Protein backbone atom coordinates (compact mmCIF):
# COMPACT_ATOMS: atom_id res chain seq x y z
CA MET A 1 25.03 97.79 -175.98
CA LEU A 2 22.91 95.07 -177.53
CA HIS A 3 19.38 95.38 -178.80
CA ALA A 4 17.19 94.28 -175.92
CA GLN A 5 13.76 94.11 -177.53
CA GLU A 6 14.14 90.58 -178.89
CA TRP A 7 15.25 89.36 -175.46
CA ARG A 8 12.39 90.72 -173.42
CA ASN A 9 9.21 89.00 -172.31
CA HIS A 10 10.38 85.51 -173.11
CA ARG A 11 8.31 83.42 -170.75
CA ASN A 12 9.07 79.90 -169.71
CA HIS A 13 6.09 77.80 -170.71
CA HIS A 14 5.59 76.23 -167.29
CA GLN A 15 6.82 78.94 -164.92
CA HIS A 16 5.94 82.51 -164.04
CA TYR A 17 9.34 83.85 -165.04
CA SER A 18 10.54 86.18 -167.78
CA VAL A 19 14.15 86.34 -168.92
CA GLY A 20 15.94 88.96 -170.99
CA LEU A 21 18.36 91.84 -171.21
CA VAL A 22 17.52 94.94 -169.22
CA GLN A 23 16.28 98.07 -170.98
CA THR A 24 16.34 100.70 -168.24
CA ASP A 25 18.64 102.05 -165.54
CA ASN A 26 16.07 101.03 -162.95
CA GLU A 27 16.30 97.42 -164.07
CA ILE A 28 20.09 97.52 -163.88
CA GLU A 29 19.80 98.81 -160.33
CA GLU A 30 17.40 95.98 -159.49
CA ALA A 31 20.06 93.52 -160.63
CA GLN A 32 22.74 95.37 -158.69
CA ARG A 33 20.62 95.30 -155.53
CA LEU A 34 20.20 91.54 -155.88
CA ARG A 35 23.97 91.26 -156.28
CA TYR A 36 24.52 93.28 -153.11
CA ARG A 37 22.11 91.09 -151.18
CA VAL A 38 23.88 87.91 -152.25
CA PHE A 39 27.51 89.02 -152.26
CA ALA A 40 27.61 91.47 -149.35
CA GLU A 41 24.79 90.46 -147.04
CA GLU A 42 24.87 86.70 -147.59
CA MET A 43 28.52 86.03 -148.45
CA GLY A 44 30.14 88.90 -146.52
CA ALA A 45 31.95 90.49 -149.47
CA ARG A 46 33.54 93.88 -148.91
CA LEU A 47 32.07 95.94 -151.73
CA GLN A 48 33.06 99.49 -152.59
CA THR A 49 29.83 101.14 -153.61
CA ARG A 50 28.54 104.70 -153.85
CA THR A 51 24.90 103.82 -153.24
CA PRO A 52 23.94 101.83 -150.13
CA GLY A 53 22.65 98.38 -150.99
CA VAL A 54 23.84 98.52 -154.60
CA ASP A 55 26.76 96.51 -156.02
CA ALA A 56 28.09 98.62 -158.91
CA ASP A 57 31.59 98.76 -160.31
CA PHE A 58 33.68 100.19 -163.15
CA TYR A 59 32.64 97.49 -165.63
CA ASP A 60 28.87 97.72 -165.23
CA PRO A 61 28.28 100.59 -167.71
CA TYR A 62 30.04 98.55 -170.42
CA CYS A 63 28.13 95.33 -169.74
CA ASP A 64 24.79 93.98 -170.80
CA HIS A 65 22.76 92.74 -167.86
CA LEU A 66 20.68 89.60 -168.15
CA ILE A 67 17.90 89.12 -165.61
CA VAL A 68 15.23 86.64 -164.64
CA ARG A 69 12.12 88.17 -163.10
CA ASP A 70 9.42 86.53 -161.04
CA GLU A 71 6.46 88.11 -162.78
CA GLN A 72 4.01 87.20 -160.02
CA LEU A 73 6.01 89.12 -157.41
CA GLY A 74 7.55 91.62 -159.82
CA LYS A 75 11.13 91.18 -158.63
CA VAL A 76 14.46 90.24 -160.15
CA VAL A 77 15.53 86.82 -158.86
CA GLY A 78 18.58 86.03 -161.00
CA THR A 79 21.18 87.92 -162.98
CA TYR A 80 24.35 87.68 -165.06
CA ARG A 81 26.33 90.44 -166.64
CA ILE A 82 27.84 90.00 -170.09
CA LEU A 83 30.97 91.73 -171.38
CA THR A 84 31.36 91.33 -175.14
CA PRO A 85 34.77 91.51 -176.83
CA GLU A 86 33.80 94.86 -178.37
CA ALA A 87 32.89 96.25 -174.94
CA ALA A 88 36.03 94.78 -173.36
CA LYS A 89 38.09 96.62 -175.95
CA LYS A 90 36.38 99.89 -175.02
CA VAL A 91 36.90 99.41 -171.29
CA GLY A 92 40.46 98.21 -171.84
CA SER A 93 40.22 94.75 -170.25
CA TYR A 94 38.05 91.95 -169.06
CA TYR A 95 37.24 91.80 -165.36
CA SER A 96 39.18 88.52 -165.27
CA ASP A 97 42.33 90.39 -166.30
CA ASN A 98 42.41 91.76 -162.76
CA GLU A 99 42.60 88.28 -161.26
CA PHE A 100 44.53 86.34 -163.88
CA ASP A 101 47.25 86.75 -166.47
CA LEU A 102 45.28 85.95 -169.63
CA THR A 103 48.21 86.29 -172.05
CA ARG A 104 47.69 82.84 -173.56
CA LEU A 105 44.13 83.79 -174.48
CA ASP A 106 45.07 86.99 -176.31
CA ASN A 107 44.43 85.54 -179.75
CA LEU A 108 40.90 84.52 -178.65
CA ARG A 109 39.82 87.98 -177.47
CA PRO A 110 38.02 89.02 -180.70
CA SER A 111 35.53 86.17 -180.12
CA MET A 112 35.61 85.87 -176.32
CA VAL A 113 32.66 86.86 -174.11
CA GLU A 114 33.02 87.19 -170.35
CA ILE A 115 30.21 86.49 -167.92
CA GLY A 116 30.25 87.42 -164.27
CA ARG A 117 28.42 88.63 -161.18
CA SER A 118 26.19 85.58 -161.42
CA CYS A 119 23.76 85.33 -158.55
CA ILE A 120 20.34 83.96 -157.72
CA HIS A 121 18.02 84.98 -154.91
CA PRO A 122 18.25 82.40 -152.09
CA ASP A 123 14.55 81.53 -152.42
CA TYR A 124 14.99 80.52 -156.09
CA ARG A 125 17.98 78.18 -156.14
CA THR A 126 16.17 75.14 -157.48
CA GLY A 127 17.67 75.07 -160.98
CA ALA A 128 14.92 76.72 -163.00
CA VAL A 129 16.38 80.22 -162.81
CA ILE A 130 19.93 79.22 -163.72
CA ALA A 131 18.54 77.15 -166.59
CA LEU A 132 16.77 80.23 -167.97
CA LEU A 133 19.94 82.32 -167.66
CA TRP A 134 22.04 79.62 -169.30
CA GLY A 135 19.54 79.23 -172.11
CA LYS A 136 19.74 82.90 -172.99
CA LEU A 137 23.53 82.92 -172.72
CA ALA A 138 23.87 79.95 -175.05
CA GLU A 139 21.40 81.48 -177.49
CA PHE A 140 23.26 84.79 -177.39
CA MET A 141 26.64 83.17 -178.05
CA LEU A 142 25.42 81.18 -181.02
CA ARG A 143 23.34 83.97 -182.55
CA ASN A 144 26.28 86.38 -182.45
CA GLU A 145 28.83 83.74 -183.47
CA TYR A 146 31.06 84.25 -180.45
CA ARG A 147 33.23 81.19 -179.94
CA TYR A 148 34.49 81.36 -176.36
CA LEU A 149 32.78 82.00 -173.04
CA ILE A 150 34.97 82.83 -170.04
CA GLY A 151 34.31 83.58 -166.40
CA CYS A 152 35.15 82.54 -162.86
CA ALA A 153 33.49 80.06 -160.55
CA SER A 154 33.68 81.46 -157.03
CA ILE A 155 33.99 79.09 -154.10
CA GLY A 156 33.38 80.42 -150.60
CA MET A 157 36.26 80.29 -148.13
CA ALA A 158 34.40 80.33 -144.84
CA ASP A 159 36.19 77.05 -144.07
CA GLY A 160 39.60 78.62 -144.66
CA GLY A 161 39.80 77.48 -148.29
CA HIS A 162 40.02 73.72 -147.72
CA ASN A 163 36.99 72.85 -149.85
CA ALA A 164 38.23 75.06 -152.69
CA ALA A 165 41.65 73.40 -152.58
CA ASN A 166 40.19 69.90 -152.48
CA LEU A 167 37.83 70.75 -155.33
CA PHE A 168 40.60 72.03 -157.59
CA VAL A 169 42.83 69.02 -156.97
CA GLN A 170 39.96 66.58 -157.52
CA GLN A 171 38.81 68.21 -160.78
CA ILE A 172 42.09 68.84 -162.60
CA ASP A 173 42.57 65.33 -163.99
CA ASN A 174 39.34 65.40 -165.99
CA ASN A 175 38.66 69.09 -166.56
CA LEU A 176 41.95 70.98 -166.86
CA ALA A 177 42.34 72.98 -170.08
CA PRO A 178 45.10 72.23 -172.60
CA LEU A 179 48.35 74.12 -172.00
CA GLU A 180 47.66 76.73 -174.67
CA TYR A 181 44.59 77.90 -172.75
CA ARG A 182 46.16 78.11 -169.28
CA VAL A 183 45.94 81.33 -167.28
CA PHE A 184 47.81 82.29 -164.12
CA PRO A 185 46.42 83.80 -160.89
CA ARG A 186 47.78 87.16 -159.78
CA HIS A 187 47.02 86.25 -156.15
CA PRO A 188 47.28 82.45 -156.04
CA LEU A 189 45.39 80.41 -153.49
CA PRO A 190 48.02 78.25 -151.72
CA PHE A 191 45.97 75.15 -152.46
CA GLU A 192 48.83 72.71 -151.83
CA ARG A 193 48.86 73.72 -148.15
CA LEU A 194 45.06 73.63 -147.85
CA VAL A 195 44.30 70.21 -149.35
CA THR A 196 42.89 67.74 -146.82
CA GLY A 197 41.91 64.89 -149.11
CA HIS A 198 38.25 65.08 -148.15
CA ALA A 199 35.66 64.81 -150.91
CA ALA A 200 34.93 68.31 -152.17
CA ASP A 201 31.52 69.93 -152.21
CA VAL A 202 31.09 71.15 -155.81
CA PRO A 203 28.84 74.23 -156.12
CA PRO A 204 25.87 73.58 -158.42
CA LEU A 205 26.86 76.38 -160.81
CA LEU A 206 30.38 74.99 -161.27
CA LYS A 207 28.96 71.49 -161.68
CA GLY A 208 26.75 72.84 -164.45
CA TYR A 209 29.66 74.55 -166.22
CA LEU A 210 31.74 71.39 -166.20
CA ARG A 211 28.88 69.22 -167.41
CA ALA A 212 28.32 71.67 -170.24
CA GLY A 213 31.92 71.15 -171.39
CA ALA A 214 33.85 73.98 -169.70
CA TRP A 215 37.54 73.70 -168.88
CA ILE A 216 39.30 74.85 -165.73
CA CYS A 217 42.04 77.07 -167.14
CA GLY A 218 44.42 77.11 -164.21
CA GLU A 219 44.97 77.35 -160.49
CA PRO A 220 42.48 79.28 -158.34
CA ALA A 221 42.98 82.91 -157.40
CA TRP A 222 42.17 84.32 -153.99
CA ASP A 223 39.79 87.28 -154.01
CA PRO A 224 40.16 88.94 -150.60
CA ASP A 225 37.25 91.37 -151.13
CA PHE A 226 34.77 88.57 -151.80
CA ASN A 227 36.67 86.04 -149.64
CA THR A 228 36.40 83.46 -152.40
CA ALA A 229 38.64 81.18 -154.35
CA ASP A 230 38.00 81.88 -158.03
CA LEU A 231 38.48 79.15 -160.61
CA PRO A 232 39.07 80.42 -164.16
CA LEU A 233 36.75 78.72 -166.64
CA MET A 234 36.42 78.70 -170.40
CA LEU A 235 33.76 77.07 -172.53
CA PRO A 236 34.59 76.86 -176.25
CA MET A 237 31.20 76.72 -177.91
CA ASP A 238 32.27 73.78 -180.06
CA ARG A 239 32.68 71.84 -176.79
CA LEU A 240 29.16 72.59 -175.59
CA SER A 241 27.66 69.28 -174.58
CA PRO A 242 25.06 68.15 -177.16
CA ARG A 243 22.71 67.30 -174.30
CA TYR A 244 23.07 70.83 -172.93
CA ALA A 245 22.72 72.41 -176.34
CA LYS A 246 19.50 70.49 -176.95
CA HIS A 247 18.16 71.49 -173.52
CA PHE A 248 19.14 75.16 -173.60
CA LEU A 249 18.33 75.91 -177.24
CA LYS A 250 14.97 74.20 -177.47
CA ALA A 251 12.09 76.35 -178.63
């Protein structure tokens, strides 16, 4: 696991938030309880968990957990988990390996970090919390000289998957990765049958990834447990938008 001390107690100069890596099991559980609230209670995901109200899985012990805390209320309001290439080697895979065939990315694995389980408390979805999380992620990647950031953007399928299909079709012309970085879903979303031609509603998090310079690495996968369409994303750090780099890495 990473050294957490340098990441703790970093306070945004105009907000009552702190952002950093967790140091204790209790803090990890706080993040996992937030995940359960968002994924299970809000989105209706079917989570297999040993402790009621806690979203925990096989990968969590190998991950570093990044949190944003509202210091005035003393609660975790945003979280990401980070799986480094060294940790992925120990666990035997990335989480994304379960959803996609990542064979074409094999040569990138020594410098490839996976992020996942991103969620923000519904009362805090104004942009400030995700900006703090993104700032620490960008700082972490550059400090440790990792070159590739991967993850999935999950799109809810309460509408039967039509928005997800429209979104993929409408984004591929400008944001599809080069062939050498393509991955392939193990459970493909039949997007051709779901496209309606209506303008897609792009989730703010995905919009942020694309603006930062991320590629969509292939067709969406269907995750039946979370009832989402998952778009595989990769952000090579040398593609990070200069505007984003200036924003996220400012002192």
